Amino acid sequence: MSQNLGKQKIKVELIDNFLIVWNPQEGSNLYKTAYYGKPIGIPKPKIPEFEVPLILDLMEGVYLAETKQIEVVENKKPVSLKALREKAMQLYEEFEDKYTVYRDLRTNNLIVTPGIKFGCDFAVYKYGPGVEHAPYMVSVKPQGSTISATEIVKAGRLATTVRKRFIIAIPDKKQEKQKEEKEEEEKKNSKYLIFKWFKA
């Protein structure tokens, strides 16, 4: 979801591998927009307004900076989008592939959070955490990579246990190749394989 939060960008501070929105009102507004970040010390917010700073991960930060919703600073100096991406690439394995899928899902108005507790890359919501349980668990697989039948069965069993649909997302490599030439081409959809299990 890339809706603008207003003409003035929200100022965010980069500290190590995290981004902090120190102003609670701005953090609450950002969280309310599409469940970006987590309020510090509140693992499951009951209401979208809170009086503590908001912490963002670098994946969210790159997207919000790219869509011009935040301005990132480090030691009171501006951090460019390029520098932020480079930092994210050091932190995330196969960042570009995962970010391509993250951006595609966000652009299509879905809520995306880390899926580590489900053994996948992303947990994806239609309406948001606290409103529903994430209906989808998404694993990103680069083009040309392989996945074994055993991996699919394991993921399927886990997805069934937690009542989610297991999805394999394949990022469109053409997006990155044409990035500088055609901005619209970059926003083409990635491909998604959705698995559904049923009893014979």
N, C-alpha and C. Protein backbone atom coordinates (compact mmCIF):
# COMPACT_ATOMS: atom_id res chain seq x y z
N MET A 1 0.85 -1.17 0.00
CA MET A 1 0.00 0.00 0.00
C MET A 1 0.88 1.22 0.00
N SER A 2 0.79 2.06 -0.99
CA SER A 2 1.71 3.17 -1.14
C SER A 2 1.03 4.51 -1.00
N GLN A 3 -0.12 4.54 -0.31
CA GLN A 3 -0.82 5.80 -0.19
C GLN A 3 0.02 6.79 0.58
N ASN A 4 -0.04 8.05 0.17
CA ASN A 4 0.77 9.08 0.77
C ASN A 4 0.21 9.48 2.11
N LEU A 5 1.07 9.74 3.06
CA LEU A 5 0.65 10.12 4.39
C LEU A 5 0.57 11.63 4.54
N GLY A 6 0.75 12.36 3.48
CA GLY A 6 0.75 13.81 3.55
C GLY A 6 1.97 14.33 2.82
N LYS A 7 2.02 15.65 2.63
CA LYS A 7 3.11 16.23 1.87
C LYS A 7 4.43 16.12 2.62
N GLN A 8 4.40 16.23 3.93
CA GLN A 8 5.62 16.18 4.71
C GLN A 8 5.99 14.74 5.06
N LYS A 9 7.22 14.37 4.71
CA LYS A 9 7.66 13.00 4.99
C LYS A 9 7.90 12.83 6.49
N ILE A 10 7.70 11.62 6.96
CA ILE A 10 7.97 11.30 8.35
C ILE A 10 9.47 11.07 8.51
N LYS A 11 10.05 11.71 9.52
CA LYS A 11 11.49 11.57 9.75
C LYS A 11 11.76 10.30 10.56
N VAL A 12 12.68 9.49 10.06
CA VAL A 12 13.00 8.20 10.68
C VAL A 12 14.51 8.14 10.89
N GLU A 13 14.93 7.62 12.04
CA GLU A 13 16.35 7.52 12.33
C GLU A 13 16.84 6.08 12.14
N LEU A 14 17.93 5.94 11.42
CA LEU A 14 18.56 4.64 11.21
C LEU A 14 19.54 4.37 12.35
N ILE A 15 19.30 3.28 13.07
CA ILE A 15 20.18 2.87 14.16
C ILE A 15 20.50 1.39 13.95
N ASP A 16 21.76 1.11 13.64
CA ASP A 16 22.19 -0.25 13.32
C ASP A 16 21.36 -0.78 12.15
N ASN A 17 20.57 -1.84 12.38
CA ASN A 17 19.78 -2.43 11.29
C ASN A 17 18.29 -2.13 11.41
N PHE A 18 17.96 -1.11 12.20
CA PHE A 18 16.55 -0.77 12.39
C PHE A 18 16.30 0.71 12.14
N LEU A 19 15.06 1.02 11.91
CA LEU A 19 14.63 2.40 11.70
C LEU A 19 13.64 2.76 12.80
N ILE A 20 13.83 3.91 13.41
CA ILE A 20 12.99 4.32 14.53
C ILE A 20 12.22 5.59 14.20
N VAL A 21 10.91 5.54 14.40
CA VAL A 21 10.07 6.74 14.32
C VAL A 21 9.88 7.19 15.77
N TRP A 22 10.59 8.24 16.17
CA TRP A 22 10.58 8.65 17.58
C TRP A 22 9.28 9.34 17.97
N ASN A 23 8.67 10.05 17.03
CA ASN A 23 7.43 10.77 17.33
C ASN A 23 6.25 9.79 17.39
N PRO A 24 5.64 9.58 18.58
CA PRO A 24 4.56 8.59 18.70
C PRO A 24 3.36 8.87 17.80
N GLN A 25 3.05 10.13 17.58
CA GLN A 25 1.91 10.46 16.72
C GLN A 25 2.19 10.06 15.27
N GLU A 26 3.39 10.38 14.81
CA GLU A 26 3.76 10.00 13.44
C GLU A 26 3.85 8.48 13.31
N GLY A 27 4.40 7.83 14.35
CA GLY A 27 4.47 6.37 14.34
C GLY A 27 3.10 5.73 14.30
N SER A 28 2.17 6.28 15.09
CA SER A 28 0.79 5.77 15.10
C SER A 28 0.14 5.93 13.74
N ASN A 29 0.37 7.09 13.12
CA ASN A 29 -0.21 7.34 11.79
C ASN A 29 0.34 6.37 10.75
N LEU A 30 1.64 6.10 10.85
CA LEU A 30 2.26 5.17 9.91
C LEU A 30 1.73 3.76 10.13
N TYR A 31 1.59 3.37 11.37
CA TYR A 31 1.05 2.04 11.70
C TYR A 31 -0.39 1.90 11.22
N LYS A 32 -1.19 2.95 11.42
CA LYS A 32 -2.60 2.93 11.01
C LYS A 32 -2.76 2.83 9.50
N THR A 33 -1.80 3.39 8.77
CA THR A 33 -1.91 3.41 7.32
C THR A 33 -1.98 2.01 6.73
N ALA A 34 -1.07 1.13 7.16
CA ALA A 34 -1.08 -0.23 6.62
C ALA A 34 -0.24 -1.17 7.48
N TYR A 35 -0.31 -0.97 8.80
CA TYR A 35 0.39 -1.84 9.76
C TYR A 35 1.89 -1.90 9.50
N TYR A 36 2.50 -0.75 9.27
CA TYR A 36 3.95 -0.70 9.15
C TYR A 36 4.58 -0.68 10.54
N GLY A 37 5.62 -1.49 10.74
CA GLY A 37 6.39 -1.45 11.97
C GLY A 37 5.70 -2.05 13.18
N LYS A 38 6.40 -1.91 14.32
CA LYS A 38 5.86 -2.39 15.59
C LYS A 38 6.18 -1.37 16.67
N PRO A 39 5.19 -0.98 17.47
CA PRO A 39 5.47 -0.07 18.57
C PRO A 39 6.35 -0.76 19.61
N ILE A 40 7.38 -0.06 20.07
CA ILE A 40 8.34 -0.66 21.01
C ILE A 40 7.64 -1.04 22.31
N GLY A 41 7.81 -2.32 22.70
CA GLY A 41 7.26 -2.80 23.96
C GLY A 41 5.79 -3.21 23.88
N ILE A 42 5.19 -3.12 22.67
CA ILE A 42 3.78 -3.52 22.51
C ILE A 42 3.71 -4.54 21.38
N PRO A 43 3.88 -5.84 21.69
CA PRO A 43 3.93 -6.86 20.63
C PRO A 43 2.64 -6.99 19.82
N LYS A 44 1.49 -6.81 20.48
CA LYS A 44 0.20 -6.90 19.78
C LYS A 44 -0.68 -5.72 20.17
N PRO A 45 -0.52 -4.59 19.46
CA PRO A 45 -1.30 -3.40 19.81
C PRO A 45 -2.81 -3.64 19.71
N LYS A 46 -3.53 -3.26 20.75
CA LYS A 46 -5.00 -3.40 20.74
C LYS A 46 -5.65 -2.25 20.00
N ILE A 47 -4.99 -1.09 20.04
CA ILE A 47 -5.49 0.09 19.33
C ILE A 47 -4.37 0.66 18.48
N PRO A 48 -4.67 1.36 17.38
CA PRO A 48 -3.63 1.84 16.48
C PRO A 48 -2.89 3.08 16.98
N GLU A 49 -3.35 3.70 18.09
CA GLU A 49 -2.64 4.85 18.65
C GLU A 49 -1.83 4.40 19.86
N PHE A 50 -0.59 4.86 19.96
CA PHE A 50 0.24 4.49 21.09
C PHE A 50 1.21 5.63 21.40
N GLU A 51 1.77 5.60 22.60
CA GLU A 51 2.63 6.69 23.08
C GLU A 51 4.09 6.27 23.17
N VAL A 52 4.50 5.38 22.28
CA VAL A 52 5.90 4.92 22.26
C VAL A 52 6.43 5.02 20.84
N PRO A 53 7.76 5.01 20.66
CA PRO A 53 8.32 5.03 19.30
C PRO A 53 7.93 3.79 18.51
N LEU A 54 8.00 3.90 17.19
CA LEU A 54 7.70 2.79 16.28
C LEU A 54 9.00 2.31 15.65
N ILE A 55 9.18 0.99 15.59
CA ILE A 55 10.39 0.44 14.98
C ILE A 55 10.02 -0.23 13.66
N LEU A 56 10.80 0.07 12.62
CA LEU A 56 10.59 -0.50 11.28
C LEU A 56 11.78 -1.39 10.93
N ASP A 57 11.53 -2.46 10.17
CA ASP A 57 12.68 -3.21 9.67
C ASP A 57 13.12 -2.60 8.34
N LEU A 58 14.27 -3.02 7.85
CA LEU A 58 14.84 -2.39 6.65
C LEU A 58 14.02 -2.66 5.39
N MET A 59 13.34 -3.81 5.33
CA MET A 59 12.49 -4.10 4.18
C MET A 59 11.38 -3.06 4.08
N GLU A 60 10.72 -2.80 5.20
CA GLU A 60 9.68 -1.78 5.24
C GLU A 60 10.27 -0.41 4.93
N GLY A 61 11.44 -0.15 5.51
CA GLY A 61 12.06 1.16 5.32
C GLY A 61 12.38 1.47 3.88
N VAL A 62 12.92 0.48 3.16
CA VAL A 62 13.24 0.69 1.74
C VAL A 62 11.96 1.00 0.97
N TYR A 63 10.90 0.26 1.25
CA TYR A 63 9.63 0.49 0.54
C TYR A 63 9.07 1.88 0.86
N LEU A 64 9.07 2.25 2.12
CA LEU A 64 8.52 3.55 2.52
C LEU A 64 9.36 4.70 1.98
N ALA A 65 10.68 4.51 1.92
CA ALA A 65 11.54 5.54 1.35
C ALA A 65 11.34 5.63 -0.16
N GLU A 66 11.20 4.47 -0.80
CA GLU A 66 10.99 4.43 -2.25
C GLU A 66 9.68 5.10 -2.65
N THR A 67 8.66 4.93 -1.81
CA THR A 67 7.36 5.54 -2.10
C THR A 67 7.24 6.93 -1.47
N LYS A 68 8.37 7.44 -1.01
CA LYS A 68 8.48 8.83 -0.53
C LYS A 68 7.58 9.14 0.67
N GLN A 69 7.43 8.16 1.54
CA GLN A 69 6.62 8.37 2.74
C GLN A 69 7.47 8.71 3.96
N ILE A 70 8.77 8.35 3.91
CA ILE A 70 9.65 8.65 5.04
C ILE A 70 10.95 9.29 4.55
N GLU A 71 11.60 9.98 5.46
CA GLU A 71 12.94 10.53 5.21
C GLU A 71 13.85 9.92 6.26
N VAL A 72 14.90 9.24 5.83
CA VAL A 72 15.78 8.52 6.74
C VAL A 72 17.02 9.35 7.04
N VAL A 73 17.38 9.41 8.33
CA VAL A 73 18.61 10.10 8.74
C VAL A 73 19.43 9.19 9.64
N GLU A 74 20.73 9.40 9.61
CA GLU A 74 21.65 8.68 10.50
C GLU A 74 22.66 9.69 11.01
N ASN A 75 22.76 9.82 12.33
CA ASN A 75 23.62 10.86 12.92
C ASN A 75 23.29 12.24 12.36
N LYS A 76 21.98 12.47 12.20
CA LYS A 76 21.42 13.75 11.72
C LYS A 76 21.74 14.06 10.25
N LYS A 77 22.29 13.08 9.54
CA LYS A 77 22.59 13.25 8.12
C LYS A 77 21.65 12.39 7.28
N PRO A 78 21.15 12.92 6.14
CA PRO A 78 20.23 12.14 5.29
C PRO A 78 20.86 10.85 4.78
N VAL A 79 20.06 9.82 4.72
CA VAL A 79 20.49 8.53 4.15
C VAL A 79 19.76 8.34 2.83
N SER A 80 20.50 8.15 1.76
CA SER A 80 19.88 7.98 0.44
C SER A 80 19.20 6.63 0.32
N LEU A 81 18.27 6.53 -0.61
CA LEU A 81 17.60 5.26 -0.87
C LEU A 81 18.61 4.20 -1.29
N LYS A 82 19.59 4.60 -2.09
CA LYS A 82 20.63 3.66 -2.53
C LYS A 82 21.40 3.09 -1.34
N ALA A 83 21.78 3.97 -0.40
CA ALA A 83 22.53 3.52 0.78
C ALA A 83 21.68 2.61 1.65
N LEU A 84 20.39 2.92 1.73
CA LEU A 84 19.48 2.10 2.53
C LEU A 84 19.33 0.71 1.92
N ARG A 85 19.22 0.66 0.59
CA ARG A 85 19.12 -0.63 -0.10
C ARG A 85 20.39 -1.46 0.10
N GLU A 86 21.55 -0.79 0.02
CA GLU A 86 22.81 -1.51 0.19
C GLU A 86 22.92 -2.10 1.58
N LYS A 87 22.43 -1.37 2.58
CA LYS A 87 22.44 -1.89 3.95
C LYS A 87 21.50 -3.08 4.08
N ALA A 88 20.35 -2.98 3.45
CA ALA A 88 19.38 -4.08 3.48
C ALA A 88 19.95 -5.32 2.78
N MET A 89 20.70 -5.12 1.71
CA MET A 89 21.29 -6.24 0.98
C MET A 89 22.31 -6.98 1.84
N GLN A 90 22.96 -6.26 2.77
CA GLN A 90 23.91 -6.90 3.68
C GLN A 90 23.19 -7.72 4.75
N LEU A 91 21.99 -7.28 5.10
CA LEU A 91 21.24 -7.92 6.18
C LEU A 91 20.42 -9.11 5.68
N TYR A 92 19.76 -8.94 4.54
CA TYR A 92 18.86 -9.98 4.02
C TYR A 92 19.55 -10.81 2.94
N GLU A 93 19.43 -12.10 3.06
CA GLU A 93 19.89 -12.99 1.99
C GLU A 93 18.93 -12.86 0.82
N GLU A 94 19.47 -12.71 -0.40
CA GLU A 94 18.65 -12.57 -1.61
C GLU A 94 17.64 -11.43 -1.44
N PHE A 95 18.15 -10.29 -0.97
CA PHE A 95 17.27 -9.14 -0.70
C PHE A 95 16.47 -8.71 -1.92
N GLU A 96 17.12 -8.57 -3.07
CA GLU A 96 16.43 -8.04 -4.24
C GLU A 96 15.22 -8.89 -4.63
N ASP A 97 15.39 -10.22 -4.58
CA ASP A 97 14.27 -11.10 -4.90
C ASP A 97 13.14 -10.94 -3.89
N LYS A 98 13.50 -10.93 -2.61
CA LYS A 98 12.47 -10.81 -1.57
C LYS A 98 11.80 -9.44 -1.60
N TYR A 99 12.60 -8.41 -1.87
CA TYR A 99 12.01 -7.07 -1.91
C TYR A 99 11.07 -6.90 -3.10
N THR A 100 11.42 -7.51 -4.23
CA THR A 100 10.55 -7.44 -5.41
C THR A 100 9.16 -7.99 -5.07
N VAL A 101 9.12 -9.11 -4.35
CA VAL A 101 7.85 -9.71 -3.95
C VAL A 101 7.16 -8.84 -2.89
N TYR A 102 7.94 -8.37 -1.91
CA TYR A 102 7.38 -7.51 -0.85
C TYR A 102 6.69 -6.29 -1.47
N ARG A 103 7.39 -5.63 -2.39
CA ARG A 103 6.85 -4.42 -3.03
C ARG A 103 5.60 -4.75 -3.83
N ASP A 104 5.63 -5.87 -4.53
CA ASP A 104 4.47 -6.27 -5.33
C ASP A 104 3.25 -6.49 -4.45
N LEU A 105 3.44 -7.18 -3.33
CA LEU A 105 2.32 -7.45 -2.41
C LEU A 105 1.81 -6.15 -1.79
N ARG A 106 2.71 -5.29 -1.35
CA ARG A 106 2.31 -4.01 -0.76
C ARG A 106 1.59 -3.13 -1.77
N THR A 107 2.09 -3.11 -3.00
CA THR A 107 1.48 -2.30 -4.05
C THR A 107 0.06 -2.77 -4.35
N ASN A 108 -0.20 -4.05 -4.10
CA ASN A 108 -1.53 -4.61 -4.30
C ASN A 108 -2.38 -4.59 -3.03
N ASN A 109 -2.02 -3.65 -2.13
CA ASN A 109 -2.82 -3.37 -0.92
C ASN A 109 -2.92 -4.53 0.06
N LEU A 110 -1.88 -5.36 0.11
CA LEU A 110 -1.84 -6.43 1.10
C LEU A 110 -0.89 -6.03 2.23
N ILE A 111 -1.13 -6.55 3.41
CA ILE A 111 -0.29 -6.27 4.57
C ILE A 111 0.77 -7.36 4.67
N VAL A 112 2.02 -6.97 4.77
CA VAL A 112 3.12 -7.94 4.74
C VAL A 112 3.96 -7.80 6.01
N THR A 113 4.15 -8.92 6.72
CA THR A 113 5.00 -8.92 7.92
C THR A 113 6.00 -10.08 7.80
N PRO A 114 7.08 -10.06 8.60
CA PRO A 114 8.04 -11.16 8.54
C PRO A 114 7.37 -12.50 8.87
N GLY A 115 7.76 -13.55 8.14
CA GLY A 115 7.12 -14.86 8.33
C GLY A 115 8.00 -15.87 9.03
N ILE A 116 9.02 -15.39 9.72
CA ILE A 116 10.00 -16.31 10.32
C ILE A 116 9.38 -17.33 11.26
N LYS A 117 8.35 -16.94 12.01
CA LYS A 117 7.75 -17.89 12.96
C LYS A 117 6.96 -18.99 12.25
N PHE A 118 6.67 -18.79 10.96
CA PHE A 118 5.99 -19.81 10.18
C PHE A 118 6.95 -20.54 9.24
N GLY A 119 8.25 -20.21 9.36
CA GLY A 119 9.24 -20.87 8.52
C GLY A 119 9.19 -20.43 7.07
N CYS A 120 8.74 -19.20 6.82
CA CYS A 120 8.66 -18.68 5.45
C CYS A 120 9.20 -17.24 5.45
N ASP A 121 9.15 -16.60 4.30
CA ASP A 121 9.66 -15.23 4.20
C ASP A 121 8.66 -14.19 4.71
N PHE A 122 7.39 -14.33 4.32
CA PHE A 122 6.39 -13.34 4.69
C PHE A 122 5.08 -13.98 5.15
N ALA A 123 4.46 -13.35 6.14
CA ALA A 123 3.06 -13.64 6.45
C ALA A 123 2.26 -12.51 5.83
N VAL A 124 1.20 -12.85 5.12
CA VAL A 124 0.46 -11.85 4.35
C VAL A 124 -1.00 -11.81 4.79
N TYR A 125 -1.47 -10.58 5.00
CA TYR A 125 -2.84 -10.35 5.46
C TYR A 125 -3.62 -9.53 4.44
N LYS A 126 -4.93 -9.73 4.44
CA LYS A 126 -5.82 -8.86 3.66
C LYS A 126 -6.18 -7.61 4.47
N TYR A 127 -6.41 -7.82 5.78
CA TYR A 127 -6.91 -6.72 6.62
C TYR A 127 -5.94 -6.30 7.70
N GLY A 128 -5.05 -7.18 8.15
CA GLY A 128 -4.04 -6.78 9.11
C GLY A 128 -3.99 -7.62 10.36
N PRO A 129 -2.82 -7.67 11.02
CA PRO A 129 -2.68 -8.41 12.27
C PRO A 129 -3.57 -7.82 13.35
N GLY A 130 -4.15 -8.71 14.16
CA GLY A 130 -5.07 -8.26 15.19
C GLY A 130 -6.51 -8.23 14.70
N VAL A 131 -6.66 -8.08 13.39
CA VAL A 131 -7.99 -8.10 12.77
C VAL A 131 -8.31 -9.51 12.30
N GLU A 132 -7.29 -10.21 11.83
CA GLU A 132 -7.44 -11.58 11.33
C GLU A 132 -6.12 -12.31 11.54
N HIS A 133 -6.16 -13.63 11.45
CA HIS A 133 -4.93 -14.40 11.37
C HIS A 133 -4.45 -14.35 9.93
N ALA A 134 -3.13 -14.27 9.74
CA ALA A 134 -2.61 -14.18 8.37
C ALA A 134 -3.09 -15.36 7.54
N PRO A 135 -3.82 -15.12 6.45
CA PRO A 135 -4.32 -16.25 5.65
C PRO A 135 -3.26 -16.88 4.73
N TYR A 136 -2.14 -16.18 4.52
CA TYR A 136 -1.14 -16.69 3.58
C TYR A 136 0.26 -16.69 4.19
N MET A 137 1.03 -17.72 3.88
CA MET A 137 2.46 -17.75 4.18
C MET A 137 3.19 -17.86 2.85
N VAL A 138 4.15 -16.95 2.63
CA VAL A 138 4.80 -16.82 1.32
C VAL A 138 6.29 -17.10 1.43
N SER A 139 6.77 -17.99 0.57
CA SER A 139 8.21 -18.24 0.44
C SER A 139 8.66 -17.76 -0.93
N VAL A 140 9.75 -17.01 -0.96
CA VAL A 140 10.27 -16.46 -2.21
C VAL A 140 11.30 -17.41 -2.80
N LYS A 141 11.12 -17.76 -4.05
CA LYS A 141 12.06 -18.63 -4.76
C LYS A 141 12.50 -17.93 -6.04
N PRO A 142 13.80 -17.65 -6.20
CA PRO A 142 14.28 -16.99 -7.42
C PRO A 142 14.02 -17.85 -8.65
N GLN A 143 13.91 -17.21 -9.79
CA GLN A 143 13.73 -17.95 -11.04
C GLN A 143 14.90 -18.90 -11.23
N GLY A 144 14.59 -20.12 -11.64
CA GLY A 144 15.63 -21.12 -11.89
C GLY A 144 15.99 -21.95 -10.68
N SER A 145 15.47 -21.57 -9.50
CA SER A 145 15.77 -22.36 -8.30
C SER A 145 14.85 -23.58 -8.26
N THR A 146 15.16 -24.51 -7.40
CA THR A 146 14.35 -25.73 -7.30
C THR A 146 13.78 -25.88 -5.90
N ILE A 147 12.71 -26.65 -5.80
CA ILE A 147 12.13 -27.00 -4.51
C ILE A 147 11.73 -28.46 -4.57
N SER A 148 12.09 -29.20 -3.56
CA SER A 148 11.83 -30.64 -3.58
C SER A 148 10.39 -30.94 -3.15
N ALA A 149 9.95 -32.12 -3.50
CA ALA A 149 8.61 -32.56 -3.09
C ALA A 149 8.51 -32.61 -1.57
N THR A 150 9.61 -33.00 -0.93
CA THR A 150 9.63 -33.07 0.54
C THR A 150 9.41 -31.69 1.16
N GLU A 151 10.07 -30.67 0.59
CA GLU A 151 9.89 -29.30 1.08
C GLU A 151 8.45 -28.84 0.94
N ILE A 152 7.85 -29.18 -0.19
CA ILE A 152 6.46 -28.78 -0.45
C ILE A 152 5.52 -29.45 0.55
N VAL A 153 5.74 -30.74 0.80
CA VAL A 153 4.90 -31.47 1.75
C VAL A 153 5.05 -30.89 3.16
N LYS A 154 6.30 -30.61 3.56
CA LYS A 154 6.53 -30.03 4.89
C LYS A 154 5.84 -28.69 5.03
N ALA A 155 6.01 -27.83 4.02
CA ALA A 155 5.38 -26.51 4.05
C ALA A 155 3.86 -26.65 4.05
N GLY A 156 3.37 -27.61 3.30
CA GLY A 156 1.93 -27.83 3.24
C GLY A 156 1.36 -28.28 4.56
N ARG A 157 2.09 -29.17 5.23
CA ARG A 157 1.62 -29.64 6.55
C ARG A 157 1.60 -28.50 7.55
N LEU A 158 2.66 -27.67 7.52
CA LEU A 158 2.71 -26.54 8.44
C LEU A 158 1.57 -25.56 8.14
N ALA A 159 1.38 -25.26 6.86
CA ALA A 159 0.32 -24.32 6.47
C ALA A 159 -1.04 -24.84 6.91
N THR A 160 -1.27 -26.14 6.75
CA THR A 160 -2.55 -26.72 7.15
C THR A 160 -2.73 -26.65 8.67
N THR A 161 -1.64 -26.91 9.40
CA THR A 161 -1.69 -26.87 10.86
C THR A 161 -2.06 -25.49 11.38
N VAL A 162 -1.50 -24.45 10.74
CA VAL A 162 -1.77 -23.08 11.20
C VAL A 162 -2.88 -22.41 10.37
N ARG A 163 -3.57 -23.21 9.57
CA ARG A 163 -4.72 -22.74 8.78
C ARG A 163 -4.37 -21.59 7.84
N LYS A 164 -3.34 -21.82 7.05
CA LYS A 164 -2.93 -20.83 6.07
C LYS A 164 -2.73 -21.47 4.70
N ARG A 165 -2.74 -20.64 3.67
CA ARG A 165 -2.41 -21.11 2.34
C ARG A 165 -0.91 -20.91 2.12
N PHE A 166 -0.25 -21.93 1.60
CA PHE A 166 1.17 -21.85 1.30
C PHE A 166 1.35 -21.35 -0.12
N ILE A 167 2.17 -20.31 -0.28
CA ILE A 167 2.38 -19.70 -1.59
C ILE A 167 3.87 -19.62 -1.88
N ILE A 168 4.26 -20.03 -3.08
CA ILE A 168 5.62 -19.80 -3.57
C ILE A 168 5.57 -18.59 -4.50
N ALA A 169 6.39 -17.58 -4.20
CA ALA A 169 6.44 -16.37 -5.02
C ALA A 169 7.72 -16.37 -5.84
N ILE A 170 7.59 -16.12 -7.14
CA ILE A 170 8.73 -16.09 -8.05
C ILE A 170 8.86 -14.68 -8.60
N PRO A 171 9.88 -13.91 -8.15
CA PRO A 171 10.02 -12.53 -8.61
C PRO A 171 10.33 -12.45 -10.09
N ASP A 172 9.81 -11.42 -10.74
CA ASP A 172 10.02 -11.21 -12.16
C ASP A 172 11.37 -10.52 -12.36
N LYS A 173 12.34 -11.23 -12.89
CA LYS A 173 13.68 -10.66 -13.08
C LYS A 173 13.66 -9.49 -14.05
N LYS A 174 12.70 -9.46 -14.97
CA LYS A 174 12.62 -8.37 -15.94
C LYS A 174 12.44 -7.04 -15.23
N GLN A 175 11.80 -7.09 -14.06
CA GLN A 175 11.57 -5.86 -13.31
C GLN A 175 12.88 -5.15 -13.03
N GLU A 176 13.86 -5.90 -12.49
CA GLU A 176 15.11 -5.27 -12.09
C GLU A 176 15.93 -4.85 -13.30
N LYS A 177 15.91 -5.64 -14.38
CA LYS A 177 16.68 -5.31 -15.56
C LYS A 177 16.19 -4.03 -16.22
N GLN A 178 14.89 -3.80 -16.18
CA GLN A 178 14.32 -2.64 -16.85
C GLN A 178 14.07 -1.48 -15.90
N LYS A 179 14.59 -1.60 -14.70
CA LYS A 179 14.30 -0.65 -13.64
C LYS A 179 14.60 0.79 -14.02
N GLU A 180 15.79 1.04 -14.56
CA GLU A 180 16.18 2.39 -14.86
C GLU A 180 15.52 2.90 -16.14
N GLU A 181 15.17 1.99 -17.06
CA GLU A 181 14.62 2.42 -18.33
C GLU A 181 13.13 2.66 -18.26
N LYS A 182 12.40 1.75 -17.61
CA LYS A 182 10.94 1.84 -17.58
C LYS A 182 10.43 1.58 -16.18
N GLU A 183 10.05 2.64 -15.51
CA GLU A 183 9.60 2.51 -14.12
C GLU A 183 8.37 1.64 -14.02
N GLU A 184 7.48 1.71 -14.99
CA GLU A 184 6.25 0.94 -14.94
C GLU A 184 6.52 -0.55 -15.09
N GLU A 185 7.52 -0.90 -15.88
CA GLU A 185 7.85 -2.32 -16.06
C GLU A 185 8.29 -2.94 -14.75
N GLU A 186 8.90 -2.11 -13.90
CA GLU A 186 9.40 -2.61 -12.62
C GLU A 186 8.27 -3.09 -11.74
N LYS A 187 7.07 -2.60 -11.99
CA LYS A 187 5.95 -2.89 -11.10
C LYS A 187 5.05 -4.00 -11.63
N LYS A 188 5.53 -4.75 -12.60
CA LYS A 188 4.77 -5.91 -13.05
C LYS A 188 4.64 -6.92 -11.92
N ASN A 189 3.59 -7.69 -11.98
CA ASN A 189 3.38 -8.68 -10.92
C ASN A 189 4.41 -9.79 -10.99
N SER A 190 4.79 -10.28 -9.80
CA SER A 190 5.57 -11.50 -9.74
C SER A 190 4.60 -12.66 -9.93
N LYS A 191 5.13 -13.87 -10.08
CA LYS A 191 4.26 -15.04 -10.25
C LYS A 191 4.08 -15.73 -8.91
N TYR A 192 2.87 -16.24 -8.67
CA TYR A 192 2.56 -16.88 -7.39
C TYR A 192 1.94 -18.25 -7.62
N LEU A 193 2.48 -19.23 -6.93
CA LEU A 193 1.93 -20.59 -6.96
C LEU A 193 1.28 -20.85 -5.61
N ILE A 194 -0.02 -21.05 -5.62
CA ILE A 194 -0.77 -21.26 -4.38
C ILE A 194 -1.13 -22.74 -4.25
N PHE A 195 -0.79 -23.33 -3.10
CA PHE A 195 -1.06 -24.74 -2.86
C PHE A 195 -2.26 -24.89 -1.94
N LYS A 196 -3.13 -25.81 -2.30
CA LYS A 196 -4.29 -26.10 -1.48
C LYS A 196 -4.34 -27.62 -1.24
N TRP A 197 -4.45 -28.00 0.02
CA TRP A 197 -4.48 -29.41 0.35
C TRP A 197 -5.92 -29.84 0.66
N PHE A 198 -6.24 -31.05 0.26
CA PHE A 198 -7.57 -31.57 0.56
C PHE A 198 -7.47 -33.09 0.77
N LYS A 199 -8.42 -33.61 1.49
CA LYS A 199 -8.42 -35.06 1.74
C LYS A 199 -9.03 -35.79 0.56
N ALA A 200 -8.36 -36.88 0.18
CA ALA A 200 -8.88 -37.67 -0.96
C ALA A 200 -10.09 -38.47 -0.53
